[in-house]
């Protein structure tokens, strides 16, 4: 920053630098980011790189109107986490960037530059673990837990967007079989593996990985992490109980939806199509937000 000041000696104008007054300028006159700003920018960059392919695919398939209405097939809970994580990091007191921070940042950017969306989520996972293990030189009076809270949110986000799918792919048989078993109990129809027979006996519903309750469970956990970390609540058995209830609520919604397909095959296209999928998605969001909102209303604050 440059300012004009009047010289009292000669009455002329001289130029004096106030760089020392601005914490955003380094010795070379270049913009110097704080530690929180650096990691907030990395979160935004990594998230954008991780979702761009999915968003483009949804727009190409459904058009802009439906893509926006479906939030690009990305849950509103994930979008909320996308805002919350960098917001917490930007709320950190200004801290210098260490050499280790720069090394971690360089590795993350290198992963973001690869034309593979999965590497972004892997890099963000590493970034989340780094924030949890190395929150930085913050005193107990200076929002000590902000870096930890953002780290937990970021870790839960990568679980919902990537690691949950990896787990589903590696254990799809038992996971999808459990879904089919619950649907069979609900409808009283026959099941075989991850298929459930239609109530009229004319064919089977094959439960694909995209219809598994596991994806919704990871979103319920993310929502719970958002509420607990957003309100700075301590981890406790009570908290875990409400998290379990949020998970059970989305399982119930998913199982009921597929059960309705089995019971009413004539309405299969409606329930399984965009209308039914959007309704179930927003109903799940409402259920987990309601449970988390109620469950965190009287939580114990984390001691600073």
Protein backbone atom coordinates (compact mmCIF):
# COMPACT_ATOMS: atom_id res chain seq x y z
CA UNK A 1 0.00 0.00 0.00
CA UNK A 2 1.38 3.41 -0.96
CA UNK A 3 0.24 6.73 0.45
CA UNK A 4 1.08 10.37 -0.16
CA UNK A 5 2.25 12.39 2.83
CA UNK A 6 3.10 16.05 3.06
CA UNK A 7 6.67 16.72 4.16
CA UNK A 8 6.59 19.25 6.96
CA UNK A 9 10.12 20.39 6.11
CA UNK A 10 9.63 21.64 2.56
CA UNK A 11 5.85 21.51 2.14
CA UNK A 12 6.14 19.14 -0.79
CA UNK A 13 4.59 15.73 -1.31
CA UNK A 14 6.71 12.64 -0.78
CA UNK A 15 5.87 8.98 -1.23
CA UNK A 16 6.30 6.74 1.81
CA UNK A 17 5.63 3.05 2.05
CA UNK A 18 3.29 1.64 4.65
CA UNK A 19 4.06 -1.96 3.81
CA UNK A 20 5.00 -2.58 7.39
CA UNK A 21 1.45 -1.67 8.41
CA UNK A 22 -0.15 -4.29 6.18
CA UNK A 23 0.12 -7.92 7.28
CA UNK A 24 -0.73 -9.02 3.74
CA UNK A 25 2.54 -7.86 2.18
CA UNK A 26 5.79 -9.74 2.54
CA UNK A 27 9.26 -8.29 2.23
CA UNK A 28 9.28 -8.68 -1.53
CA UNK A 29 6.01 -6.74 -1.82
CA UNK A 30 4.10 -9.87 -2.83
CA UNK A 31 0.78 -10.93 -1.37
CA UNK A 32 1.40 -13.20 1.60
CA UNK A 33 -1.46 -15.49 2.58
CA UNK A 34 -2.10 -16.52 6.13
CA UNK A 35 -2.13 -20.20 7.02
CA UNK A 36 -5.92 -20.34 7.24
CA UNK A 37 -6.33 -18.60 3.89
CA UNK A 38 -3.90 -21.01 2.24
CA UNK A 39 -5.74 -24.13 3.40
CA UNK A 40 -9.16 -22.58 2.71
CA UNK A 41 -8.08 -21.97 -0.88
CA UNK A 42 -6.83 -25.54 -1.18
CA UNK A 43 -10.18 -26.86 0.08
CA UNK A 44 -12.09 -24.85 -2.52
CA UNK A 45 -9.71 -25.81 -5.32
CA UNK A 46 -9.77 -29.50 -4.46
CA UNK A 47 -13.54 -29.64 -4.10
CA UNK A 48 -14.08 -27.82 -7.41
CA UNK A 49 -11.69 -30.16 -9.20
CA UNK A 50 -13.35 -33.21 -7.65
CA UNK A 51 -16.90 -32.33 -8.71
CA UNK A 52 -16.39 -30.66 -12.09
CA UNK A 53 -16.60 -33.91 -14.06
CA UNK A 54 -19.75 -35.02 -12.27
CA UNK A 55 -21.39 -31.62 -12.73
CA UNK A 56 -20.59 -31.55 -16.44
CA UNK A 57 -22.07 -35.03 -16.87
CA UNK A 58 -25.32 -34.05 -15.12
CA UNK A 59 -25.66 -30.87 -17.20
CA UNK A 60 -25.02 -32.78 -20.43
CA UNK A 61 -27.59 -35.43 -19.53
CA UNK A 62 -30.37 -33.39 -17.89
CA UNK A 63 -29.75 -29.79 -18.92
CA UNK A 64 -29.05 -26.81 -16.67
CA UNK A 65 -32.53 -26.53 -15.14
CA UNK A 66 -32.72 -30.12 -13.86
CA UNK A 67 -29.04 -30.11 -12.95
CA UNK A 68 -29.51 -27.08 -10.71
CA UNK A 69 -32.73 -28.50 -9.24
CA UNK A 70 -30.89 -31.70 -8.33
CA UNK A 71 -27.86 -29.71 -7.09
CA UNK A 72 -25.80 -31.51 -9.75
CA UNK A 73 -26.58 -34.87 -8.10
CA UNK A 74 -24.53 -33.75 -5.12
CA UNK A 75 -26.34 -33.60 -1.80
CA UNK A 76 -27.11 -30.21 -0.29
CA UNK A 77 -25.30 -31.51 2.82
CA UNK A 78 -22.07 -31.75 0.82
CA UNK A 79 -22.54 -28.21 -0.50
CA UNK A 80 -23.02 -27.00 3.08
CA UNK A 81 -19.77 -28.72 4.08
CA UNK A 82 -18.05 -27.10 1.11
CA UNK A 83 -18.93 -23.70 2.58
CA UNK A 84 -18.37 -24.54 6.26
CA UNK A 85 -14.86 -25.96 5.97
CA UNK A 86 -13.12 -22.96 4.35
CA UNK A 87 -15.26 -20.58 6.45
CA UNK A 88 -13.79 -22.09 9.64
CA UNK A 89 -10.29 -21.85 8.22
CA UNK A 90 -10.77 -18.21 7.25
CA UNK A 91 -11.84 -17.56 10.84
CA UNK A 92 -8.43 -18.56 12.16
CA UNK A 93 -6.18 -15.81 13.53
CA UNK A 94 -3.50 -14.87 11.01
CA UNK A 95 -0.60 -17.29 11.28
CA UNK A 96 2.63 -17.59 9.29
CA UNK A 97 2.92 -20.39 6.76
CA UNK A 98 5.58 -22.93 7.67
CA UNK A 99 7.81 -24.90 5.34
CA UNK A 100 5.80 -28.03 6.13
CA UNK A 101 2.59 -26.19 5.22
CA UNK A 102 4.09 -25.24 1.86
CA UNK A 103 5.22 -28.82 1.23
CA UNK A 104 1.73 -30.15 1.98
CA UNK A 105 0.16 -27.44 -0.19
CA UNK A 106 2.49 -28.21 -3.10
CA UNK A 107 1.63 -31.91 -2.91
CA UNK A 108 -2.09 -31.13 -2.84
CA UNK A 109 -1.88 -28.80 -5.84
CA UNK A 110 0.10 -31.42 -7.78
CA UNK A 111 -2.69 -33.93 -7.10
CA UNK A 112 -5.35 -31.41 -8.13
CA UNK A 113 -3.61 -30.87 -11.46
CA UNK A 114 -3.92 -34.53 -12.41
CA UNK A 115 -6.90 -35.16 -14.75
CA UNK A 116 -8.30 -37.74 -12.34
CA UNK A 117 -11.07 -36.56 -9.97
CA UNK A 118 -10.30 -39.28 -7.42
CA UNK A 119 -6.87 -37.85 -6.73
CA UNK A 120 -8.50 -34.62 -5.52
CA UNK A 121 -10.46 -36.48 -2.84
CA UNK A 122 -7.37 -38.43 -1.81
CA UNK A 123 -5.38 -35.20 -1.55
CA UNK A 124 -8.18 -33.54 0.45
CA UNK A 125 -8.16 -36.53 2.80
CA UNK A 126 -4.46 -36.00 3.39
CA UNK A 127 -5.11 -32.30 3.94
CA UNK A 128 -7.82 -33.11 6.49
CA UNK A 129 -5.50 -35.44 8.40
CA UNK A 130 -2.78 -32.78 8.34
CA UNK A 131 -5.14 -30.21 9.85
CA UNK A 132 -6.15 -32.68 12.55
CA UNK A 133 -2.57 -33.62 13.43
CA UNK A 134 -0.99 -30.21 12.94
CA UNK A 135 -3.52 -27.45 13.72
CA UNK A 136 -0.80 -24.82 13.90
CA UNK A 137 0.55 -22.46 16.55
CA UNK A 138 -2.75 -21.30 17.98
CA UNK A 139 -3.08 -20.41 21.64
CA UNK A 140 -5.91 -21.79 23.72
CA UNK A 141 -7.55 -18.36 23.72
CA UNK A 142 -7.51 -18.05 19.92
CA UNK A 143 -10.17 -20.49 18.71
CA UNK A 144 -7.82 -23.40 19.26
CA UNK A 145 -10.20 -25.96 17.78
CA UNK A 146 -11.03 -24.23 14.46
CA UNK A 147 -8.41 -26.13 12.48
CA UNK A 148 -9.51 -29.41 14.08
CA UNK A 149 -13.16 -28.69 13.34
CA UNK A 150 -12.48 -27.90 9.69
CA UNK A 151 -10.34 -31.04 9.48
CA UNK A 152 -13.18 -33.24 10.75
CA UNK A 153 -15.65 -31.66 8.30
CA UNK A 154 -13.23 -32.09 5.40
CA UNK A 155 -12.55 -35.72 6.34
CA UNK A 156 -16.28 -36.48 6.54
CA UNK A 157 -16.80 -34.77 3.17
CA UNK A 158 -14.20 -36.94 1.45
CA UNK A 159 -15.80 -40.00 3.06
CA UNK A 160 -19.18 -39.08 1.60
CA UNK A 161 -17.81 -38.18 -1.84
CA UNK A 162 -15.16 -40.86 -2.31
CA UNK A 163 -14.28 -43.32 0.45
CA UNK A 164 -17.86 -44.48 0.93
CA UNK A 165 -17.97 -45.45 -2.75
CA UNK A 166 -14.63 -47.24 -2.43
CA UNK A 167 -15.97 -49.21 0.53
CA UNK A 168 -19.16 -50.01 -1.37
CA UNK A 169 -17.25 -51.27 -4.39
CA UNK A 170 -14.98 -53.43 -2.26
CA UNK A 171 -17.81 -54.89 -0.18
CA UNK A 172 -20.77 -54.54 -2.50
CA UNK A 173 -22.03 -58.08 -1.97
CA UNK A 174 -22.71 -57.92 1.78
CA UNK A 175 -23.81 -54.27 1.69
CA UNK A 176 -26.32 -54.68 -1.13
CA UNK A 177 -27.43 -58.01 0.29
CA UNK A 178 -28.24 -56.29 3.60
CA UNK A 179 -30.36 -53.72 1.73
CA UNK A 180 -32.20 -56.52 -0.08
CA UNK A 181 -32.80 -58.33 3.20
CA UNK A 182 -34.37 -55.25 4.81
CA UNK A 183 -36.56 -54.66 1.75
CA UNK A 184 -37.64 -58.29 1.76
CA UNK A 185 -38.64 -58.04 5.43
CA UNK A 186 -40.58 -54.85 4.74
CA UNK A 187 -42.47 -56.11 1.70
CA UNK A 188 -42.68 -59.82 2.48
CA UNK A 189 -41.34 -60.65 -0.97
CA UNK A 190 -38.65 -63.11 -1.95
CA UNK A 191 -35.03 -62.06 -2.26
CA UNK A 192 -31.98 -63.61 -3.86
CA UNK A 193 -28.64 -61.96 -3.18
CA UNK A 194 -29.08 -58.27 -3.93
CA UNK A 195 -32.34 -58.75 -5.85
CA UNK A 196 -35.91 -58.54 -4.55
CA UNK A 197 -38.91 -60.06 -6.28
CA UNK A 198 -41.79 -57.83 -7.36
CA UNK A 199 -44.97 -58.33 -5.34
CA UNK A 200 -46.82 -59.52 -8.45
CA UNK A 201 -44.13 -62.15 -9.05
CA UNK A 202 -43.20 -60.70 -12.43
CA UNK A 203 -39.46 -60.24 -12.21
CA UNK A 204 -36.95 -58.89 -9.71
CA UNK A 205 -35.54 -55.54 -8.66
CA UNK A 206 -31.75 -55.52 -8.85
CA UNK A 207 -30.29 -53.19 -6.22
CA UNK A 208 -27.40 -51.35 -7.85
CA UNK A 209 -24.55 -49.77 -5.87
CA UNK A 210 -26.01 -46.31 -6.52
CA UNK A 211 -29.18 -47.33 -4.70
CA UNK A 212 -27.40 -48.62 -1.61
CA UNK A 213 -28.18 -47.17 1.81
CA UNK A 214 -24.43 -46.87 2.46
CA UNK A 215 -24.19 -43.68 0.38
CA UNK A 216 -26.96 -42.10 2.43
CA UNK A 217 -25.31 -43.22 5.67
CA UNK A 218 -22.11 -41.38 4.75
CA UNK A 219 -24.19 -38.25 4.11
CA UNK A 220 -25.93 -38.63 7.47
CA UNK A 221 -22.54 -38.87 9.19
CA UNK A 222 -21.34 -35.80 7.31
CA UNK A 223 -24.43 -33.86 8.39
CA UNK A 224 -23.84 -34.87 12.01
CA UNK A 225 -20.19 -33.80 11.80
CA UNK A 226 -21.30 -30.47 10.34
CA UNK A 227 -23.65 -29.80 13.25
CA UNK A 228 -21.33 -31.02 15.99
CA UNK A 229 -18.26 -29.22 14.67
CA UNK A 230 -20.21 -26.13 13.64
CA UNK A 231 -21.49 -25.85 17.20
CA UNK A 232 -18.17 -26.95 18.72
CA UNK A 233 -19.68 -29.90 20.55
CA UNK A 234 -17.65 -32.52 22.37
CA UNK A 235 -17.61 -36.12 21.17
CA UNK A 236 -19.77 -38.23 23.48
CA UNK A 237 -21.88 -41.37 23.60
CA UNK A 238 -24.96 -39.15 23.42
CA UNK A 239 -23.67 -37.57 20.22
CA UNK A 240 -22.97 -40.96 18.69
CA UNK A 241 -26.49 -42.06 19.58
CA UNK A 242 -28.03 -39.20 17.65
CA UNK A 243 -25.67 -39.88 14.75
CA UNK A 244 -26.89 -43.48 14.72
CA UNK A 245 -30.49 -42.25 14.65
CA UNK A 246 -29.70 -40.02 11.66
CA UNK A 247 -28.18 -43.02 9.87
CA UNK A 248 -31.22 -45.18 10.64
CA UNK A 249 -33.56 -42.50 9.31
CA UNK A 250 -31.91 -42.45 5.86
CA UNK A 251 -31.80 -46.25 5.77
CA UNK A 252 -35.53 -46.32 6.49
CA UNK A 253 -36.25 -43.82 3.70
CA UNK A 254 -34.13 -45.69 1.15
CA UNK A 255 -35.54 -49.10 2.06
CA UNK A 256 -39.10 -47.74 1.96
CA UNK A 257 -38.56 -46.23 -1.48
CA UNK A 258 -37.23 -49.46 -2.98
CA UNK A 259 -39.92 -51.40 -1.14
CA UNK A 260 -42.57 -49.23 -2.81
CA UNK A 261 -41.06 -50.14 -6.18
CA UNK A 262 -41.39 -53.82 -5.30
CA UNK A 263 -44.97 -53.43 -4.07
CA UNK A 264 -46.12 -51.21 -6.95
CA UNK A 265 -44.28 -52.25 -10.11
CA UNK A 266 -46.71 -50.21 -12.20
CA UNK A 267 -45.27 -47.08 -10.55
CA UNK A 268 -41.65 -48.18 -10.87
CA UNK A 269 -40.62 -45.49 -13.37
CA UNK A 270 -42.13 -42.72 -11.25
CA UNK A 271 -40.57 -43.88 -7.97
CA UNK A 272 -37.22 -44.80 -9.48
CA UNK A 273 -37.02 -41.89 -11.91
CA UNK A 274 -35.96 -38.26 -11.37
CA UNK A 275 -39.15 -37.35 -9.49
CA UNK A 276 -38.90 -40.19 -7.00
CA UNK A 277 -35.14 -39.83 -6.64
CA UNK A 278 -35.35 -36.07 -5.98
CA UNK A 279 -38.17 -36.52 -3.48
CA UNK A 280 -36.28 -39.23 -1.60
CA UNK A 281 -33.09 -37.16 -1.65
CA UNK A 282 -34.70 -34.05 -0.19
CA UNK A 283 -36.68 -36.13 2.31
CA UNK A 284 -33.42 -37.70 3.50
CA UNK A 285 -31.83 -34.26 3.84
CA UNK A 286 -34.81 -33.03 5.84
CA UNK A 287 -34.71 -36.10 8.08
CA UNK A 288 -31.01 -35.95 8.94
CA UNK A 289 -31.04 -32.16 9.37
CA UNK A 290 -34.02 -32.47 11.69
CA UNK A 291 -32.37 -35.19 13.76
CA UNK A 292 -29.04 -33.35 13.92
CA UNK A 293 -30.68 -30.02 14.71
CA UNK A 294 -32.63 -31.54 17.57
CA UNK A 295 -29.77 -33.69 18.81
CA UNK A 296 -27.32 -30.77 19.06
CA UNK A 297 -29.67 -28.30 20.71
CA UNK A 298 -28.13 -28.83 24.16
CA UNK A 299 -24.66 -30.14 23.43
CA UNK A 300 -21.66 -29.63 25.68
CA UNK A 301 -19.16 -27.15 24.32
CA UNK A 302 -15.65 -28.34 23.66
CA UNK A 303 -13.32 -26.96 26.28
CA UNK A 304 -10.81 -24.55 24.79
